[in-house]
C-alpha atoms as a PDB file:
ATOM      1  CA  MET A   1      -0.720 -27.162  35.592  1.00  0.00           C
ATOM      2  CA  SER A   2      -0.607 -23.404  36.222  1.00  0.00           C
ATOM      3  CA  SER A   3       3.107 -23.215  35.376  1.00  0.00           C
ATOM      4  CA  THR A   4       2.505 -25.120  32.113  1.00  0.00           C
ATOM      5  CA  ARG A   5      -0.225 -22.646  31.168  1.00  0.00           C
ATOM      6  CA  ASN A   6       2.044 -19.686  31.990  1.00  0.00           C
ATOM      7  CA  LEU A   7       4.894 -21.200  29.964  1.00  0.00           C
ATOM      8  CA  PHE A   8       2.541 -21.724  27.003  1.00  0.00           C
ATOM      9  CA  ALA A   9       1.352 -18.089  27.221  1.00  0.00           C
ATOM     10  CA  VAL A  10       4.936 -16.798  27.343  1.00  0.00           C
ATOM     11  CA  VAL A  11       5.945 -18.917  24.323  1.00  0.00           C
ATOM     12  CA  CYS A  12       2.887 -17.731  22.346  1.00  0.00           C
ATOM     13  CA  LEU A  13       3.647 -14.085  23.121  1.00  0.00           C
ATOM     14  CA  ALA A  14       7.305 -14.539  22.196  1.00  0.00           C
ATOM     15  CA  LEU A  15       6.345 -16.095  18.847  1.00  0.00           C
ATOM     16  CA  PHE A  16       3.835 -13.324  18.178  1.00  0.00           C
ATOM     17  CA  PHE A  17       6.403 -10.571  18.775  1.00  0.00           C
ATOM     18  CA  ALA A  18       9.092 -12.464  16.865  1.00  0.00           C
ATOM     19  CA  MET A  19       6.846 -12.718  13.792  1.00  0.00           C
ATOM     20  CA  LEU A  20       5.584  -9.121  13.972  1.00  0.00           C
ATOM     21  CA  PRO A  21       8.570  -7.553  12.113  1.00  0.00           C
ATOM     22  CA  MET A  22       8.273 -10.152   9.325  1.00  0.00           C
ATOM     23  CA  SER A  23       4.604  -9.431   8.721  1.00  0.00           C
ATOM     24  CA  THR A  24       5.111  -5.659   8.493  1.00  0.00           C
ATOM     25  CA  THR A  25       7.933  -6.163   5.992  1.00  0.00           C
ATOM     26  CA  LEU A  26       5.851  -8.410   3.770  1.00  0.00           C
ATOM     27  CA  THR A  27       2.818  -6.118   3.685  1.00  0.00           C
ATOM     28  CA  ALA A  28       4.682  -2.827   3.269  1.00  0.00           C
ATOM     29  CA  GLN A  29       3.509  -0.704   0.342  1.00  0.00           C
ATOM     30  CA  GLU A  30       6.983   0.716  -0.198  1.00  0.00           C
ATOM     31  CA  PRO A  31       8.115   0.061  -3.797  1.00  0.00           C
ATOM     32  CA  ALA A  32      11.791   0.611  -2.925  1.00  0.00           C
ATOM     33  CA  GLY A  33      14.013  -2.390  -3.500  1.00  0.00           C
ATOM     34  CA  ARG A  34      14.933  -4.913  -6.159  1.00  0.00           C
ATOM     35  CA  TRP A  35      12.490  -6.257  -8.732  1.00  0.00           C
ATOM     36  CA  ALA A  36      12.826  -8.792 -11.561  1.00  0.00           C
ATOM     37  CA  GLY A  37      10.543  -9.899 -14.364  1.00  0.00           C
ATOM     38  CA  ARG A  38       9.806  -9.364 -18.051  1.00  0.00           C
ATOM     39  CA  TRP A  39       8.817  -6.744 -20.573  1.00  0.00           C
ATOM     40  CA  THR A  40       6.777  -7.475 -23.690  1.00  0.00           C
ATOM     41  CA  THR A  41       5.916  -5.585 -26.848  1.00  0.00           C
ATOM     42  CA  TYR A  42       2.298  -5.608 -27.945  1.00  0.00           C
ATOM     43  CA  LYS A  43       2.098  -7.495 -31.214  1.00  0.00           C
ATOM     44  CA  GLU A  44       2.603  -5.421 -34.304  1.00  0.00           C
ATOM     45  CA  ASN A  45       1.876  -7.203 -37.578  1.00  0.00           C
ATOM     46  CA  GLY A  46       1.707 -10.510 -35.742  1.00  0.00           C
ATOM     47  CA  ARG A  47       5.171 -10.182 -34.167  1.00  0.00           C
ATOM     48  CA  GLY A  48       5.907  -9.317 -30.562  1.00  0.00           C
ATOM     49  CA  HIS A  49       9.148  -9.022 -28.631  1.00  0.00           C
ATOM     50  CA  GLN A  50       9.943  -9.787 -25.021  1.00  0.00           C
ATOM     51  CA  GLY A  51      12.888  -9.813 -22.670  1.00  0.00           C
ATOM     52  CA  THR A  52      14.097  -9.860 -19.107  1.00  0.00           C
ATOM     53  CA  LEU A  53      13.932  -6.782 -16.913  1.00  0.00           C
ATOM     54  CA  ARG A  54      15.416  -5.954 -13.509  1.00  0.00           C
ATOM     55  CA  ALA A  55      14.749  -2.801 -11.553  1.00  0.00           C
ATOM     56  CA  ASN A  56      16.240  -1.283  -8.416  1.00  0.00           C
ATOM     57  CA  LEU A  57      14.285   1.588  -6.851  1.00  0.00           C
ATOM     58  CA  LYS A  58      16.066   3.761  -4.280  1.00  0.00           C
ATOM     59  CA  PRO A  59      14.085   6.472  -2.429  1.00  0.00           C
ATOM     60  CA  ASN A  60      15.139  10.075  -3.021  1.00  0.00           C
ATOM     61  CA  GLY A  61      13.205  11.242   0.061  1.00  0.00           C
ATOM     62  CA  ASP A  62      10.751  13.474  -1.772  1.00  0.00           C
ATOM     63  CA  GLY A  63       8.216  10.907  -2.993  1.00  0.00           C
ATOM     64  CA  THR A  64      10.414   9.959  -5.931  1.00  0.00           C
ATOM     65  CA  TYR A  65      12.837   7.113  -6.541  1.00  0.00           C
ATOM     66  CA  GLN A  66      16.053   6.747  -8.490  1.00  0.00           C
ATOM     67  CA  GLY A  67      15.296   3.780 -10.737  1.00  0.00           C
ATOM     68  CA  THR A  68      17.996   1.689 -12.363  1.00  0.00           C
ATOM     69  CA  PHE A  69      16.586  -0.604 -15.038  1.00  0.00           C
ATOM     70  CA  ALA A  70      18.522  -3.372 -16.778  1.00  0.00           C
ATOM     71  CA  GLY A  71      17.442  -6.025 -19.215  1.00  0.00           C
ATOM     72  CA  ARG A  72      17.912  -7.668 -22.560  1.00  0.00           C
ATOM     73  CA  PHE A  73      16.458  -7.039 -25.973  1.00  0.00           C
ATOM     74  CA  ALA A  74      16.453  -9.812 -28.608  1.00  0.00           C
ATOM     75  CA  VAL A  75      17.880 -12.204 -25.977  1.00  0.00           C
ATOM     76  CA  VAL A  76      21.466 -10.966 -26.390  1.00  0.00           C
ATOM     77  CA  VAL A  77      21.431  -7.137 -26.458  1.00  0.00           C
ATOM     78  CA  PRO A  78      21.848  -5.806 -22.903  1.00  0.00           C
ATOM     79  CA  TYR A  79      20.702  -2.364 -21.796  1.00  0.00           C
ATOM     80  CA  VAL A  80      20.850  -0.290 -18.598  1.00  0.00           C
ATOM     81  CA  TYR A  81      19.289   3.085 -17.928  1.00  0.00           C
ATOM     82  CA  ARG A  82      18.454   5.311 -14.974  1.00  0.00           C
ATOM     83  CA  ALA A  83      15.307   7.354 -14.567  1.00  0.00           C
ATOM     84  CA  THR A  84      13.429   9.193 -11.861  1.00  0.00           C
ATOM     85  CA  VAL A  85      10.290   7.316 -10.816  1.00  0.00           C
ATOM     86  CA  VAL A  86       7.408   9.281  -9.273  1.00  0.00           C
ATOM     87  CA  GLN A  87       4.930   7.619  -6.924  1.00  0.00           C
ATOM     88  CA  GLU A  88       1.307   8.799  -6.704  1.00  0.00           C
ATOM     89  CA  GLY A  89      -0.630   6.460  -4.419  1.00  0.00           C
ATOM     90  CA  ASP A  90      -0.206   2.930  -5.783  1.00  0.00           C
ATOM     91  CA  MET A  91       0.944   4.164  -9.202  1.00  0.00           C
ATOM     92  CA  LEU A  92       4.532   4.693 -10.363  1.00  0.00           C
ATOM     93  CA  TYR A  93       5.377   6.884 -13.358  1.00  0.00           C
ATOM     94  CA  SER A  94       8.587   7.506 -15.251  1.00  0.00           C
ATOM     95  CA  THR A  95       9.565   9.382 -18.399  1.00  0.00           C
ATOM     96  CA  LYS A  96      12.993   9.164 -20.009  1.00  0.00           C
ATOM     97  CA  ARG A  97      14.011  11.229 -23.045  1.00  0.00           C
ATOM     98  CA  LEU A  98      15.514   9.061 -25.807  1.00  0.00           C
ATOM     99  CA  GLY A  99      16.999  11.891 -27.863  1.00  0.00           C
ATOM    100  CA  PRO A 100      15.644  12.208 -31.414  1.00  0.00           C
ATOM    101  CA  MET A 101      13.573   9.035 -30.924  1.00  0.00           C
ATOM    102  CA  GLY A 102      11.206  10.778 -28.485  1.00  0.00           C
ATOM    103  CA  SER A 103      10.462   9.641 -24.931  1.00  0.00           C
ATOM    104  CA  TYR A 104      10.093   6.357 -23.112  1.00  0.00           C
ATOM    105  CA  GLU A 105       7.136   6.413 -20.698  1.00  0.00           C
ATOM    106  CA  MET A 106       6.328   3.825 -18.055  1.00  0.00           C
ATOM    107  CA  GLN A 107       3.298   3.464 -15.793  1.00  0.00           C
ATOM    108  CA  LEU A 108       3.162   0.704 -13.152  1.00  0.00           C
ATOM    109  CA  GLN A 109       0.588  -0.354 -10.565  1.00  0.00           C
ATOM    110  CA  HIS A 110       2.233  -1.244  -7.247  1.00  0.00           C
ATOM    111  CA  ASN A 111       0.702  -4.261  -5.509  1.00  0.00           C
ATOM    112  CA  PRO A 112       2.200  -6.162  -2.565  1.00  0.00           C
ATOM    113  CA  GLY A 113       5.061  -8.117  -4.147  1.00  0.00           C
ATOM    114  CA  SER A 114       4.525  -7.013  -7.752  1.00  0.00           C
ATOM    115  CA  LEU A 115       4.667  -4.128 -10.198  1.00  0.00           C
ATOM    116  CA  SER A 116       2.610  -4.397 -13.380  1.00  0.00           C
ATOM    117  CA  GLY A 117       1.715  -2.014 -16.139  1.00  0.00           C
ATOM    118  CA  GLY A 118       2.912  -0.766 -19.453  1.00  0.00           C
ATOM    119  CA  TRP A 119       5.361   1.303 -21.425  1.00  0.00           C
ATOM    120  CA  SER A 120       5.405   3.279 -24.665  1.00  0.00           C
ATOM    121  CA  ALA A 121       8.154   4.705 -26.846  1.00  0.00           C
ATOM    122  CA  GLY A 122       7.466   6.237 -30.231  1.00  0.00           C
ATOM    123  CA  LYS A 123       5.036   3.943 -32.051  1.00  0.00           C
ATOM    124  CA  SER A 124       5.814   0.928 -29.852  1.00  0.00           C
ATOM    125  CA  SER A 125       4.177  -0.062 -26.586  1.00  0.00           C
ATOM    126  CA  GLY A 126       3.995  -3.069 -24.326  1.00  0.00           C
ATOM    127  CA  GLY A 127       3.627  -4.500 -20.877  1.00  0.00           C
ATOM    128  CA  ILE A 128       5.828  -4.920 -17.809  1.00  0.00           C
ATOM    129  CA  GLN A 129       5.509  -7.481 -15.019  1.00  0.00           C
ATOM    130  CA  LEU A 130       7.978  -7.369 -12.099  1.00  0.00           C
ATOM    131  CA  TYR A 131       8.156  -9.280  -8.810  1.00  0.00           C
ATOM    132  CA  ARG A 132      10.174  -8.634  -5.636  1.00  0.00           C
ATOM    133  CA  ARG A 133      13.586 -10.306  -5.661  1.00  0.00           C
END
Protein backbone atom coordinates (compact mmCIF):
# COMPACT_ATOMS: atom_id res chain seq x y z
CA MET A 1 0.00 0.00 0.00
CA SER A 2 2.86 2.35 0.89
CA SER A 3 4.65 1.68 -2.40
CA THR A 4 1.44 2.39 -4.35
CA ARG A 5 1.07 5.71 -2.53
CA ASN A 6 4.71 6.62 -3.25
CA LEU A 7 4.30 5.68 -6.92
CA PHE A 8 1.16 7.84 -7.15
CA ALA A 9 3.01 10.80 -5.56
CA VAL A 10 5.93 10.42 -7.97
CA VAL A 11 3.60 10.27 -11.00
CA CYS A 12 1.68 13.36 -9.80
CA LEU A 13 4.91 15.32 -9.32
CA ALA A 14 6.20 14.24 -12.72
CA LEU A 15 2.97 15.38 -14.40
CA PHE A 16 3.06 18.69 -12.53
CA PHE A 17 6.62 19.46 -13.65
CA ALA A 18 5.93 18.24 -17.18
CA MET A 19 2.97 20.62 -17.52
CA LEU A 20 4.73 23.60 -15.91
CA PRO A 21 6.52 24.79 -19.10
CA MET A 22 3.25 24.60 -21.08
CA SER A 23 1.37 26.77 -18.61
CA THR A 24 4.03 29.50 -18.56
CA THR A 25 4.04 29.59 -22.36
CA LEU A 26 0.28 29.96 -22.58
CA THR A 27 0.05 32.76 -20.01
CA ALA A 28 3.07 34.76 -21.17
CA GLN A 29 2.36 38.43 -21.86
CA GLU A 30 4.98 38.57 -24.59
CA PRO A 31 3.40 39.79 -27.86
CA ALA A 32 6.26 38.40 -29.97
CA GLY A 33 5.24 35.75 -32.46
CA ARG A 34 2.77 35.11 -35.25
CA TRP A 35 -0.77 36.48 -35.28
CA ALA A 36 -3.66 36.14 -37.74
CA GLY A 37 -7.07 37.76 -38.01
CA ARG A 38 -8.96 40.55 -39.75
CA TRP A 39 -9.04 44.29 -40.24
CA THR A 40 -12.22 46.28 -40.83
CA THR A 41 -13.02 49.80 -41.93
CA TYR A 42 -15.62 51.69 -39.93
CA LYS A 43 -18.60 52.28 -42.18
CA GLU A 44 -18.48 55.42 -44.23
CA ASN A 45 -21.69 56.27 -46.07
CA GLY A 46 -23.06 52.83 -45.26
CA ARG A 47 -20.12 50.94 -46.79
CA GLY A 48 -17.34 49.22 -44.89
CA HIS A 49 -14.36 47.18 -46.03
CA GLN A 50 -12.63 44.24 -44.41
CA GLY A 51 -9.82 41.83 -45.11
CA THR A 52 -7.40 39.30 -43.72
CA LEU A 53 -4.37 40.34 -41.72
CA ARG A 54 -1.30 38.45 -40.51
CA ALA A 55 1.38 39.87 -38.26
CA ASN A 56 4.78 38.63 -37.13
CA LEU A 57 6.36 40.52 -34.22
CA LYS A 58 10.07 40.00 -33.56
CA PRO A 59 11.67 41.61 -30.47
CA ASN A 60 14.35 44.23 -31.09
CA GLY A 61 15.57 43.97 -27.48
CA ASP A 62 14.76 47.54 -26.48
CA GLY A 63 11.03 47.25 -25.76
CA THR A 64 10.18 47.49 -29.45
CA TYR A 65 9.35 44.91 -32.09
CA GLN A 66 9.95 44.64 -35.81
CA GLY A 67 6.45 44.03 -37.15
CA THR A 68 5.77 42.50 -40.53
CA PHE A 69 2.14 42.86 -41.55
CA ALA A 70 0.53 41.16 -44.55
CA GLY A 71 -3.04 41.00 -45.71
CA ARG A 72 -5.53 41.58 -48.47
CA PHE A 73 -7.62 44.53 -49.49
CA ALA A 74 -10.77 44.03 -51.61
CA VAL A 75 -10.24 40.24 -51.34
CA VAL A 76 -7.61 40.13 -54.11
CA VAL A 77 -5.13 43.00 -53.54
CA PRO A 78 -2.25 41.76 -51.36
CA TYR A 79 -0.07 44.05 -49.26
CA VAL A 80 2.97 43.66 -46.99
CA TYR A 81 4.66 46.30 -44.88
CA ARG A 82 7.13 46.51 -42.01
CA ALA A 83 6.91 48.88 -39.08
CA THR A 84 8.42 49.32 -35.65
CA VAL A 85 5.93 48.43 -32.91
CA VAL A 86 6.38 49.99 -29.45
CA GLN A 87 5.05 48.27 -26.34
CA GLU A 88 3.90 50.28 -23.30
CA GLY A 89 2.40 47.91 -20.73
CA ASP A 90 -0.37 45.96 -22.47
CA MET A 91 -0.60 48.45 -25.35
CA LEU A 92 1.18 48.26 -28.70
CA TYR A 93 1.62 51.31 -30.93
CA SER A 94 2.90 51.74 -34.46
CA THR A 95 3.12 54.61 -36.94
CA LYS A 96 4.11 54.18 -40.58
CA ARG A 97 4.53 57.11 -42.98
CA LEU A 98 2.57 56.59 -46.22
CA GLY A 99 4.26 59.35 -48.22
CA PRO A 100 1.94 62.12 -49.45
CA MET A 101 -1.08 60.23 -48.07
CA GLY A 102 -0.04 60.92 -44.46
CA SER A 103 0.55 58.28 -41.78
CA TYR A 104 -0.92 54.94 -40.83
CA GLU A 105 -1.35 54.62 -37.05
CA MET A 106 -2.20 51.46 -35.14
CA GLN A 107 -3.02 50.94 -31.46
CA LEU A 108 -3.61 47.43 -30.08
CA GLN A 109 -4.47 46.05 -26.65
CA HIS A 110 -2.49 42.89 -25.88
CA ASN A 111 -4.48 40.20 -24.07
CA PRO A 112 -3.43 36.57 -23.58
CA GLY A 113 -3.90 35.05 -27.04
CA SER A 114 -5.26 38.15 -28.80
CA LEU A 115 -4.49 41.64 -30.04
CA SER A 116 -7.40 44.01 -30.59
CA GLY A 117 -7.70 47.68 -31.34
CA GLY A 118 -7.85 50.10 -34.18
CA TRP A 119 -6.09 51.91 -36.97
CA SER A 120 -6.36 55.23 -38.79
CA ALA A 121 -4.96 56.58 -42.04
CA GLY A 122 -6.02 59.91 -43.47
CA LYS A 123 -9.80 60.13 -43.17
CA SER A 124 -10.27 56.37 -42.80
CA SER A 125 -10.22 54.32 -39.62
CA GLY A 126 -11.19 50.86 -38.48
CA GLY A 127 -10.63 47.93 -36.20
CA ILE A 128 -8.14 45.07 -35.94
CA GLN A 129 -8.63 41.68 -34.29
CA LEU A 130 -5.72 39.20 -34.24
CA TYR A 131 -5.25 35.82 -32.55
CA ARG A 132 -2.11 33.75 -31.91
CA ARG A 133 -1.31 31.34 -34.74
